[in-house]
Protein backbone atom coordinates (compact mmCIF):
# COMPACT_ATOMS: atom_id res chain seq x y z
CA UNK A 1 30.84 6.95 9.55
CA UNK A 2 32.51 3.82 10.91
CA UNK A 3 29.87 3.66 13.64
CA UNK A 4 27.12 3.48 11.01
CA UNK A 5 28.74 0.49 9.32
CA UNK A 6 29.38 -1.14 12.70
CA UNK A 7 25.69 -0.84 13.63
CA UNK A 8 24.65 -2.02 10.17
CA UNK A 9 26.72 -5.22 10.27
CA UNK A 10 26.09 -6.00 13.95
CA UNK A 11 22.29 -5.83 13.62
CA UNK A 12 22.05 -3.63 16.71
CA UNK A 13 19.24 -1.68 15.08
CA UNK A 14 16.87 -3.16 12.56
CA UNK A 15 16.36 -1.21 9.35
CA UNK A 16 13.32 -3.22 8.29
CA UNK A 17 10.81 -0.87 9.92
CA UNK A 18 12.08 2.05 7.82
CA UNK A 19 12.09 -0.17 4.73
CA UNK A 20 8.49 -1.25 5.35
CA UNK A 21 7.47 2.42 5.60
CA UNK A 22 9.00 3.09 2.17
CA UNK A 23 7.30 -0.01 0.73
CA UNK A 24 4.02 1.17 2.29
CA UNK A 25 4.25 4.52 0.50
CA UNK A 26 5.09 2.78 -2.81
CA UNK A 27 2.07 0.51 -2.31
CA UNK A 28 -0.22 3.49 -1.70
CA UNK A 29 1.03 5.13 -4.88
CA UNK A 30 0.42 1.94 -6.89
CA UNK A 31 -3.11 1.46 -5.51
CA UNK A 32 -4.11 5.08 -6.17
CA UNK A 33 -2.47 5.07 -9.61
CA UNK A 34 -4.38 1.91 -10.54
CA UNK A 35 -7.62 3.54 -9.42
CA UNK A 36 -6.93 6.74 -11.36
CA UNK A 37 -6.05 4.85 -14.55
CA UNK A 38 -9.18 2.69 -14.28
CA UNK A 39 -11.41 5.70 -13.72
CA UNK A 40 -9.71 7.57 -16.57
CA UNK A 41 -10.51 4.72 -18.99
CA UNK A 42 -14.13 4.69 -17.79
CA UNK A 43 -14.52 8.45 -18.24
CA UNK A 44 -12.88 8.34 -21.68
CA UNK A 45 -15.28 5.55 -22.68
CA UNK A 46 -18.19 7.56 -21.32
CA UNK A 47 -17.11 10.50 -23.49
CA UNK A 48 -16.68 8.22 -26.50
CA UNK A 49 -12.95 8.87 -26.85
CA UNK A 50 -11.62 5.43 -25.89
CA UNK A 51 -12.40 1.99 -27.30
CA UNK A 52 -10.94 0.07 -24.36
CA UNK A 53 -13.15 -2.80 -23.17
CA UNK A 54 -14.90 -1.27 -20.17
CA UNK A 55 -18.17 -1.60 -18.32
CA UNK A 56 -20.07 0.20 -21.10
CA UNK A 57 -19.14 -2.46 -23.66
CA UNK A 58 -20.64 -5.18 -21.49
CA UNK A 59 -24.08 -3.59 -21.84
CA UNK A 60 -24.26 -1.65 -18.59
CA UNK A 61 -24.32 1.82 -20.17
CA UNK A 62 -23.75 5.14 -18.45
CA UNK A 63 -25.21 4.05 -15.11
CA UNK A 64 -22.87 1.06 -15.15
CA UNK A 65 -19.88 3.34 -15.59
CA UNK A 66 -21.05 5.63 -12.78
CA UNK A 67 -21.63 2.59 -10.56
CA UNK A 68 -18.20 1.28 -11.50
CA UNK A 69 -16.62 4.59 -10.49
CA UNK A 70 -18.41 4.53 -7.13
CA UNK A 71 -17.40 0.91 -6.63
CA UNK A 72 -13.85 1.92 -7.53
CA UNK A 73 -13.80 4.50 -4.73
CA UNK A 74 -15.07 1.96 -2.23
CA UNK A 75 -12.65 -0.78 -3.31
CA UNK A 76 -9.71 1.63 -3.35
CA UNK A 77 -10.49 2.63 0.23
CA UNK A 78 -10.73 -1.04 1.24
CA UNK A 79 -7.45 -1.88 -0.54
CA UNK A 80 -5.70 1.04 1.16
CA UNK A 81 -7.03 -0.07 4.53
CA UNK A 82 -5.94 -3.68 3.95
CA UNK A 83 -2.50 -2.55 2.76
CA UNK A 84 -2.14 -0.42 5.89
CA UNK A 85 -3.12 -3.33 8.15
CA UNK A 86 -0.70 -5.66 6.37
CA UNK A 87 2.23 -3.26 6.74
CA UNK A 88 1.33 -2.52 10.37
CA UNK A 89 1.34 -6.25 11.10
CA UNK A 90 4.86 -6.59 9.71
CA UNK A 91 6.11 -3.54 11.63
CA UNK A 92 4.46 -4.84 14.80
CA UNK A 93 6.52 -8.03 14.61
CA UNK A 94 9.77 -6.08 14.37
CA UNK A 95 8.78 -3.65 17.13
CA UNK A 96 7.95 -6.61 19.36
CA UNK A 97 11.36 -8.09 18.63
CA UNK A 98 13.10 -4.80 19.46
CA UNK A 99 11.18 -4.52 22.75
CA UNK A 100 12.08 -8.10 23.69
CA UNK A 101 15.76 -7.43 22.97
CA UNK A 102 15.55 -4.31 25.13
CA UNK A 103 13.95 -6.25 28.00
CA UNK A 104 16.54 -8.99 27.66
CA UNK A 105 19.36 -6.45 27.79
CA UNK A 106 17.91 -4.85 30.93
CA UNK A 107 17.47 -8.21 32.66
CA UNK A 108 20.96 -9.40 31.86
CA UNK A 109 22.57 -6.37 33.57
């Protein structure tokens, strides 16, 4: 237990990569949840249950809602891809740092 605290306060191992992985999963959940909620409102409007301002109220009708759902799938995929690339970029910086520290430690021996 004391070894864990020693490593934590000495910064021998970075915890940021694990933290970024957790943030990545939270981001995926938020993106997918936003997509599901948006599609749910569109479907409820299509069925006439909801009065939320959606594509149908802007004069696009049923085909507009269907197009909006298809566009939602495409944009959600793009957002997930961009989120993945962003998180990978951050992790790559920390992995590069860890590799450089490892090389430095080997050269200083």
